[in-house]
Amino acid sequence: MRAYFDANEPIPWQRVYVLPRFVHFSHESHFHAGVDCAECHGEVPRMEHLARVRELTMGWCVECHRQRGASDDCLTCHY
């Protein structure tokens, strides 16, 4: 990524996770809540190639919200 930054070129991202269009997800709110990136994305620094480590299903997300005391109101994540 540094090489792209230094060359002022866009990073050619390849999507690993795709959520339905009616789902709203904010990395910012999860970051501020103290959720470690590895909980959803795995140990990225140790990966040679990024890979999906979790199936981001509604049930998995709801369970995580309930364990952390986060809102499980439908409008928290759905438009």
PDB file of N, CA and C in Angstrom:
ATOM      1  N   MET A   1       0.825  -1.178   0.000  1.00  0.00           N
ATOM      2  CA  MET A   1       0.000   0.000   0.000  1.00  0.00           C
ATOM      3  C   MET A   1       0.879   1.255   0.000  1.00  0.00           C
ATOM      4  N   ARG A   2       1.996   1.143   0.670  1.00  0.00           N
ATOM      5  CA  ARG A   2       2.892   2.297   0.730  1.00  0.00           C
ATOM      6  C   ARG A   2       3.355   2.708  -0.670  1.00  0.00           C
ATOM      7  N   ALA A   3       3.645   1.734  -1.517  1.00  0.00           N
ATOM      8  CA  ALA A   3       4.108   2.030  -2.880  1.00  0.00           C
ATOM      9  C   ALA A   3       3.036   2.790  -3.658  1.00  0.00           C
ATOM     10  N   TYR A   4       1.776   2.392  -3.496  1.00  0.00           N
ATOM     11  CA  TYR A   4       0.695   3.104  -4.170  1.00  0.00           C
ATOM     12  C   TYR A   4       0.579   4.523  -3.640  1.00  0.00           C
ATOM     13  N   PHE A   5       0.701   4.662  -2.330  1.00  0.00           N
ATOM     14  CA  PHE A   5       0.637   5.992  -1.718  1.00  0.00           C
ATOM     15  C   PHE A   5       1.769   6.869  -2.230  1.00  0.00           C
ATOM     16  N   ASP A   6       2.975   6.325  -2.197  1.00  0.00           N
ATOM     17  CA  ASP A   6       4.141   7.090  -2.649  1.00  0.00           C
ATOM     18  C   ASP A   6       4.029   7.493  -4.114  1.00  0.00           C
ATOM     19  N   ALA A   7       3.413   6.638  -4.934  1.00  0.00           N
ATOM     20  CA  ALA A   7       3.254   6.924  -6.366  1.00  0.00           C
ATOM     21  C   ALA A   7       1.985   7.737  -6.641  1.00  0.00           C
ATOM     22  N   ASN A   8       1.262   8.078  -5.576  1.00  0.00           N
ATOM     23  CA  ASN A   8       0.013   8.830  -5.708  1.00  0.00           C
ATOM     24  C   ASN A   8      -0.968   8.112  -6.646  1.00  0.00           C
ATOM     25  N   GLU A   9      -1.032   6.781  -6.502  1.00  0.00           N
ATOM     26  CA  GLU A   9      -1.919   5.963  -7.318  1.00  0.00           C
ATOM     27  C   GLU A   9      -2.989   5.336  -6.423  1.00  0.00           C
ATOM     28  N   PRO A  10      -4.175   5.128  -6.966  1.00  0.00           N
ATOM     29  CA  PRO A  10      -5.211   4.473  -6.163  1.00  0.00           C
ATOM     30  C   PRO A  10      -4.859   3.010  -5.896  1.00  0.00           C
ATOM     31  N   ILE A  11      -5.244   2.534  -4.743  1.00  0.00           N
ATOM     32  CA  ILE A  11      -5.003   1.142  -4.386  1.00  0.00           C
ATOM     33  C   ILE A  11      -6.045   0.284  -5.107  1.00  0.00           C
ATOM     34  N   PRO A  12      -5.625  -0.742  -5.837  1.00  0.00           N
ATOM     35  CA  PRO A  12      -6.587  -1.590  -6.554  1.00  0.00           C
ATOM     36  C   PRO A  12      -7.225  -2.615  -5.599  1.00  0.00           C
ATOM     37  N   TRP A  13      -8.133  -2.130  -4.780  1.00  0.00           N
ATOM     38  CA  TRP A  13      -8.771  -2.992  -3.780  1.00  0.00           C
ATOM     39  C   TRP A  13      -9.534  -4.126  -4.441  1.00  0.00           C
ATOM     40  N   GLN A  14      -9.516  -5.268  -3.798  1.00  0.00           N
ATOM     41  CA  GLN A  14     -10.351  -6.391  -4.210  1.00  0.00           C
ATOM     42  C   GLN A  14     -11.230  -6.731  -3.015  1.00  0.00           C
ATOM     43  N   ARG A  15     -12.510  -6.634  -3.241  1.00  0.00           N
ATOM     44  CA  ARG A  15     -13.466  -6.827  -2.163  1.00  0.00           C
ATOM     45  C   ARG A  15     -13.416  -8.256  -1.626  1.00  0.00           C
ATOM     46  N   VAL A  16     -13.366  -8.377  -0.292  1.00  0.00           N
ATOM     47  CA  VAL A  16     -13.363  -9.676   0.371  1.00  0.00           C
ATOM     48  C   VAL A  16     -14.732  -9.939   0.981  1.00  0.00           C
ATOM     49  N   TYR A  17     -15.309  -8.903   1.573  1.00  0.00           N
ATOM     50  CA  TYR A  17     -16.640  -9.009   2.182  1.00  0.00           C
ATOM     51  C   TYR A  17     -17.615  -8.145   1.397  1.00  0.00           C
ATOM     52  N   VAL A  18     -18.778  -8.687   1.120  1.00  0.00           N
ATOM     53  CA  VAL A  18     -19.829  -7.928   0.440  1.00  0.00           C
ATOM     54  C   VAL A  18     -21.103  -8.095   1.253  1.00  0.00           C
ATOM     55  N   LEU A  19     -21.643  -6.986   1.709  1.00  0.00           N
ATOM     56  CA  LEU A  19     -22.892  -6.998   2.455  1.00  0.00           C
ATOM     57  C   LEU A  19     -24.028  -6.566   1.529  1.00  0.00           C
ATOM     58  N   PRO A  20     -25.237  -6.996   1.820  1.00  0.00           N
ATOM     59  CA  PRO A  20     -26.374  -6.561   1.013  1.00  0.00           C
ATOM     60  C   PRO A  20     -26.518  -5.033   1.048  1.00  0.00           C
ATOM     61  N   ARG A  21     -27.101  -4.479   0.010  1.00  0.00           N
ATOM     62  CA  ARG A  21     -27.226  -3.019  -0.088  1.00  0.00           C
ATOM     63  C   ARG A  21     -28.114  -2.420   0.993  1.00  0.00           C
ATOM     64  N   PHE A  22     -28.994  -3.219   1.595  1.00  0.00           N
ATOM     65  CA  PHE A  22     -29.878  -2.696   2.630  1.00  0.00           C
ATOM     66  C   PHE A  22     -29.249  -2.749   4.020  1.00  0.00           C
ATOM     67  N   VAL A  23     -28.000  -3.180   4.101  1.00  0.00           N
ATOM     68  CA  VAL A  23     -27.292  -3.234   5.379  1.00  0.00           C
ATOM     69  C   VAL A  23     -26.343  -2.052   5.470  1.00  0.00           C
ATOM     70  N   HIS A  24     -26.412  -1.361   6.598  1.00  0.00           N
ATOM     71  CA  HIS A  24     -25.497  -0.245   6.851  1.00  0.00           C
ATOM     72  C   HIS A  24     -24.431  -0.740   7.820  1.00  0.00           C
ATOM     73  N   PHE A  25     -23.182  -0.612   7.452  1.00  0.00           N
ATOM     74  CA  PHE A  25     -22.086  -1.001   8.330  1.00  0.00           C
ATOM     75  C   PHE A  25     -21.103   0.147   8.410  1.00  0.00           C
ATOM     76  N   SER A  26     -20.708   0.486   9.629  1.00  0.00           N
ATOM     77  CA  SER A  26     -19.742   1.557   9.834  1.00  0.00           C
ATOM     78  C   SER A  26     -18.529   1.019  10.582  1.00  0.00           C
ATOM     79  N   HIS A  27     -17.382   1.043   9.939  1.00  0.00           N
ATOM     80  CA  HIS A  27     -16.162   0.672  10.653  1.00  0.00           C
ATOM     81  C   HIS A  27     -15.926   1.648  11.796  1.00  0.00           C
ATOM     82  N   GLU A  28     -16.261   2.919  11.579  1.00  0.00           N
ATOM     83  CA  GLU A  28     -16.003   3.947  12.586  1.00  0.00           C
ATOM     84  C   GLU A  28     -16.694   3.639  13.910  1.00  0.00           C
ATOM     85  N   SER A  29     -17.976   3.274  13.869  1.00  0.00           N
ATOM     86  CA  SER A  29     -18.693   3.001  15.116  1.00  0.00           C
ATOM     87  C   SER A  29     -18.116   1.773  15.819  1.00  0.00           C
ATOM     88  N   HIS A  30     -17.693   0.783  15.071  1.00  0.00           N
ATOM     89  CA  HIS A  30     -17.099  -0.410  15.672  1.00  0.00           C
ATOM     90  C   HIS A  30     -15.724  -0.091  16.257  1.00  0.00           C
ATOM     91  N   PHE A  31     -14.967   0.745  15.586  1.00  0.00           N
ATOM     92  CA  PHE A  31     -13.660   1.179  16.090  1.00  0.00           C
ATOM     93  C   PHE A  31     -13.828   1.908  17.417  1.00  0.00           C
ATOM     94  N   HIS A  32     -14.772   2.856  17.457  1.00  0.00           N
ATOM     95  CA  HIS A  32     -14.998   3.627  18.687  1.00  0.00           C
ATOM     96  C   HIS A  32     -15.547   2.755  19.817  1.00  0.00           C
ATOM     97  N   ALA A  33     -16.191   1.645  19.472  1.00  0.00           N
ATOM     98  CA  ALA A  33     -16.708   0.721  20.488  1.00  0.00           C
ATOM     99  C   ALA A  33     -15.613  -0.232  20.987  1.00  0.00           C
ATOM    100  N   GLY A  34     -14.420  -0.142  20.407  1.00  0.00           N
ATOM    101  CA  GLY A  34     -13.312  -0.968  20.860  1.00  0.00           C
ATOM    102  C   GLY A  34     -13.285  -2.368  20.274  1.00  0.00           C
ATOM    103  N   VAL A  35     -14.007  -2.580  19.181  1.00  0.00           N
ATOM    104  CA  VAL A  35     -13.987  -3.895  18.530  1.00  0.00           C
ATOM    105  C   VAL A  35     -12.680  -4.021  17.756  1.00  0.00           C
ATOM    106  N   ASP A  36     -11.905  -5.036  18.078  1.00  0.00           N
ATOM    107  CA  ASP A  36     -10.634  -5.246  17.399  1.00  0.00           C
ATOM    108  C   ASP A  36     -10.886  -5.730  15.970  1.00  0.00           C
ATOM    109  N   CYS A  37     -10.144  -5.209  15.026  1.00  0.00           N
ATOM    110  CA  CYS A  37     -10.306  -5.572  13.614  1.00  0.00           C
ATOM    111  C   CYS A  37     -10.237  -7.090  13.402  1.00  0.00           C
ATOM    112  N   ALA A  38      -9.385  -7.760  14.167  1.00  0.00           N
ATOM    113  CA  ALA A  38      -9.172  -9.201  14.000  1.00  0.00           C
ATOM    114  C   ALA A  38     -10.429 -10.009  14.307  1.00  0.00           C
ATOM    115  N   GLU A  39     -11.355  -9.448  15.074  1.00  0.00           N
ATOM    116  CA  GLU A  39     -12.572 -10.199  15.392  1.00  0.00           C
ATOM    117  C   GLU A  39     -13.380 -10.524  14.141  1.00  0.00           C
ATOM    118  N   CYS A  40     -13.350  -9.664  13.155  1.00  0.00           N
ATOM    119  CA  CYS A  40     -14.075  -9.904  11.906  1.00  0.00           C
ATOM    120  C   CYS A  40     -13.136 -10.284  10.774  1.00  0.00           C
ATOM    121  N   HIS A  41     -11.947  -9.714  10.767  1.00  0.00           N
ATOM    122  CA  HIS A  41     -11.040  -9.860   9.633  1.00  0.00           C
ATOM    123  C   HIS A  41      -9.900 -10.845   9.865  1.00  0.00           C
ATOM    124  N   GLY A  42      -9.773 -11.378  11.078  1.00  0.00           N
ATOM    125  CA  GLY A  42      -8.682 -12.297  11.374  1.00  0.00           C
ATOM    126  C   GLY A  42      -7.368 -11.558  11.565  1.00  0.00           C
ATOM    127  N   GLU A  43      -6.308 -12.313  11.667  1.00  0.00           N
ATOM    128  CA  GLU A  43      -4.970 -11.745  11.895  1.00  0.00           C
ATOM    129  C   GLU A  43      -4.364 -11.277  10.569  1.00  0.00           C
ATOM    130  N   VAL A  44      -4.850 -10.169  10.077  1.00  0.00           N
ATOM    131  CA  VAL A  44      -4.449  -9.654   8.766  1.00  0.00           C
ATOM    132  C   VAL A  44      -2.930  -9.496   8.627  1.00  0.00           C
ATOM    133  N   PRO A  45      -2.237  -8.967   9.631  1.00  0.00           N
ATOM    134  CA  PRO A  45      -0.775  -8.811   9.452  1.00  0.00           C
ATOM    135  C   PRO A  45      -0.044 -10.126   9.201  1.00  0.00           C
ATOM    136  N   ARG A  46      -0.637 -11.238   9.596  1.00  0.00           N
ATOM    137  CA  ARG A  46       0.004 -12.539   9.407  1.00  0.00           C
ATOM    138  C   ARG A  46      -0.430 -13.241   8.124  1.00  0.00           C
ATOM    139  N   MET A  47      -1.366 -12.642   7.400  1.00  0.00           N
ATOM    140  CA  MET A  47      -1.876 -13.264   6.175  1.00  0.00           C
ATOM    141  C   MET A  47      -1.019 -12.878   4.978  1.00  0.00           C
ATOM    142  N   GLU A  48      -0.684 -13.869   4.181  1.00  0.00           N
ATOM    143  CA  GLU A  48       0.021 -13.567   2.937  1.00  0.00           C
ATOM    144  C   GLU A  48      -0.963 -12.962   1.938  1.00  0.00           C
ATOM    145  N   HIS A  49      -2.177 -13.524   1.910  1.00  0.00           N
ATOM    146  CA  HIS A  49      -3.249 -13.000   1.075  1.00  0.00           C
ATOM    147  C   HIS A  49      -4.478 -12.861   1.955  1.00  0.00           C
ATOM    148  N   LEU A  50      -5.155 -11.749   1.826  1.00  0.00           N
ATOM    149  CA  LEU A  50      -6.361 -11.550   2.622  1.00  0.00           C
ATOM    150  C   LEU A  50      -7.413 -12.574   2.242  1.00  0.00           C
ATOM    151  N   ALA A  51      -8.099 -13.062   3.239  1.00  0.00           N
ATOM    152  CA  ALA A  51      -9.136 -14.053   3.011  1.00  0.00           C
ATOM    153  C   ALA A  51     -10.286 -13.805   3.981  1.00  0.00           C
ATOM    154  N   ARG A  52     -11.446 -14.238   3.609  1.00  0.00           N
ATOM    155  CA  ARG A  52     -12.603 -14.127   4.487  1.00  0.00           C
ATOM    156  C   ARG A  52     -12.444 -15.138   5.622  1.00  0.00           C
ATOM    157  N   VAL A  53     -12.532 -14.660   6.857  1.00  0.00           N
ATOM    158  CA  VAL A  53     -12.400 -15.552   8.005  1.00  0.00           C
ATOM    159  C   VAL A  53     -13.724 -15.720   8.744  1.00  0.00           C
ATOM    160  N   ARG A  54     -14.693 -14.867   8.471  1.00  0.00           N
ATOM    161  CA  ARG A  54     -16.010 -14.942   9.093  1.00  0.00           C
ATOM    162  C   ARG A  54     -17.063 -14.778   8.012  1.00  0.00           C
ATOM    163  N   GLU A  55     -18.148 -15.489   8.149  1.00  0.00           N
ATOM    164  CA  GLU A  55     -19.315 -15.236   7.318  1.00  0.00           C
ATOM    165  C   GLU A  55     -20.138 -14.204   8.075  1.00  0.00           C
ATOM    166  N   LEU A  56     -20.239 -13.035   7.545  1.00  0.00           N
ATOM    167  CA  LEU A  56     -20.920 -11.945   8.251  1.00  0.00           C
ATOM    168  C   LEU A  56     -22.431 -12.071   8.087  1.00  0.00           C
ATOM    169  N   THR A  57     -22.972 -13.051   8.769  1.00  0.00           N
ATOM    170  CA  THR A  57     -24.413 -13.276   8.712  1.00  0.00           C
ATOM    171  C   THR A  57     -25.108 -12.404   9.747  1.00  0.00           C
ATOM    172  N   MET A  58     -26.379 -12.192   9.563  1.00  0.00           N
ATOM    173  CA  MET A  58     -27.153 -11.402  10.506  1.00  0.00           C
ATOM    174  C   MET A  58     -27.094 -12.031  11.901  1.00  0.00           C
ATOM    175  N   GLY A  59     -27.224 -13.355  11.978  1.00  0.00           N
ATOM    176  CA  GLY A  59     -27.177 -14.028  13.267  1.00  0.00           C
ATOM    177  C   GLY A  59     -25.867 -13.811  13.996  1.00  0.00           C
ATOM    178  N   TRP A  60     -24.761 -13.861  13.257  1.00  0.00           N
ATOM    179  CA  TRP A  60     -23.444 -13.651  13.861  1.00  0.00           C
ATOM    180  C   TRP A  60     -23.327 -12.222  14.390  1.00  0.00           C
ATOM    181  N   CYS A  61     -23.786 -11.259  13.603  1.00  0.00           N
ATOM    182  CA  CYS A  61     -23.724  -9.852  14.015  1.00  0.00           C
ATOM    183  C   CYS A  61     -24.621  -9.593  15.232  1.00  0.00           C
ATOM    184  N   VAL A  62     -25.846 -10.118  15.210  1.00  0.00           N
ATOM    185  CA  VAL A  62     -26.774  -9.916  16.324  1.00  0.00           C
ATOM    186  C   VAL A  62     -26.197 -10.513  17.603  1.00  0.00           C
ATOM    187  N   GLU A  63     -25.626 -11.696  17.516  1.00  0.00           N
ATOM    188  CA  GLU A  63     -25.027 -12.326  18.697  1.00  0.00           C
ATOM    189  C   GLU A  63     -23.898 -11.469  19.259  1.00  0.00           C
ATOM    190  N   CYS A  64     -23.064 -10.932  18.385  1.00  0.00           N
ATOM    191  CA  CYS A  64     -21.966 -10.060  18.818  1.00  0.00           C
ATOM    192  C   CYS A  64     -22.525  -8.815  19.503  1.00  0.00           C
ATOM    193  N   HIS A  65     -23.550  -8.192  18.897  1.00  0.00           N
ATOM    194  CA  HIS A  65     -24.165  -7.004  19.496  1.00  0.00           C
ATOM    195  C   HIS A  65     -24.704  -7.325  20.883  1.00  0.00           C
ATOM    196  N   ARG A  66     -25.379  -8.456  21.023  1.00  0.00           N
ATOM    197  CA  ARG A  66     -25.965  -8.826  22.318  1.00  0.00           C
ATOM    198  C   ARG A  66     -24.891  -9.104  23.354  1.00  0.00           C
ATOM    199  N   GLN A  67     -23.810  -9.763  22.964  1.00  0.00           N
ATOM    200  CA  GLN A  67     -22.723 -10.049  23.905  1.00  0.00           C
ATOM    201  C   GLN A  67     -22.062  -8.770  24.407  1.00  0.00           C
ATOM    202  N   ARG A  68     -22.020  -7.755  23.559  1.00  0.00           N
ATOM    203  CA  ARG A  68     -21.359  -6.498  23.914  1.00  0.00           C
ATOM    204  C   ARG A  68     -22.310  -5.441  24.471  1.00  0.00           C
ATOM    205  N   GLY A  69     -23.594  -5.762  24.497  1.00  0.00           N
ATOM    206  CA  GLY A  69     -24.568  -4.784  24.982  1.00  0.00           C
ATOM    207  C   GLY A  69     -24.855  -3.685  23.980  1.00  0.00           C
ATOM    208  N   ALA A  70     -24.565  -3.942  22.701  1.00  0.00           N
ATOM    209  CA  ALA A  70     -24.845  -2.970  21.641  1.00  0.00           C
ATOM    210  C   ALA A  70     -26.302  -3.148  21.191  1.00  0.00           C
ATOM    211  N   SER A  71     -26.833  -2.135  20.579  1.00  0.00           N
ATOM    212  CA  SER A  71     -28.223  -2.180  20.128  1.00  0.00           C
ATOM    213  C   SER A  71     -28.442  -3.316  19.125  1.00  0.00           C
ATOM    214  N   ASP A  72     -29.567  -4.002  19.298  1.00  0.00           N
ATOM    215  CA  ASP A  72     -29.958  -5.004  18.289  1.00  0.00           C
ATOM    216  C   ASP A  72     -31.267  -4.590  17.635  1.00  0.00           C
ATOM    217  N   ASP A  73     -31.588  -3.304  17.712  1.00  0.00           N
ATOM    218  CA  ASP A  73     -32.723  -2.758  17.005  1.00  0.00           C
ATOM    219  C   ASP A  73     -32.455  -2.862  15.505  1.00  0.00           C
ATOM    220  N   CYS A  74     -33.448  -3.263  14.748  1.00  0.00           N
ATOM    221  CA  CYS A  74     -33.270  -3.466  13.304  1.00  0.00           C
ATOM    222  C   CYS A  74     -32.681  -2.252  12.594  1.00  0.00           C
ATOM    223  N   LEU A  75     -33.098  -1.051  13.008  1.00  0.00           N
ATOM    224  CA  LEU A  75     -32.652   0.158  12.312  1.00  0.00           C
ATOM    225  C   LEU A  75     -31.214   0.532  12.641  1.00  0.00           C
ATOM    226  N   THR A  76     -30.586  -0.197  13.550  1.00  0.00           N
ATOM    227  CA  THR A  76     -29.166   0.032  13.801  1.00  0.00           C
ATOM    228  C   THR A  76     -28.348  -0.327  12.581  1.00  0.00           C
ATOM    229  N   CYS A  77     -28.754  -1.387  11.892  1.00  0.00           N
ATOM    230  CA  CYS A  77     -27.968  -1.899  10.771  1.00  0.00           C
ATOM    231  C   CYS A  77     -28.700  -1.909   9.435  1.00  0.00           C
ATOM    232  N   HIS A  78     -30.027  -1.774   9.471  1.00  0.00           N
ATOM    233  CA  HIS A  78     -30.805  -1.864   8.243  1.00  0.00           C
ATOM    234  C   HIS A  78     -31.478  -0.534   7.932  1.00  0.00           C
ATOM    235  N   TYR A  79     -31.482  -0.208   6.648  1.00  0.00           N
ATOM    236  CA  TYR A  79     -32.120   1.045   6.195  1.00  0.00           C
ATOM    237  C   TYR A  79     -33.611   0.903   6.203  1.00  0.00           C
TER     238      TYR A  79
END
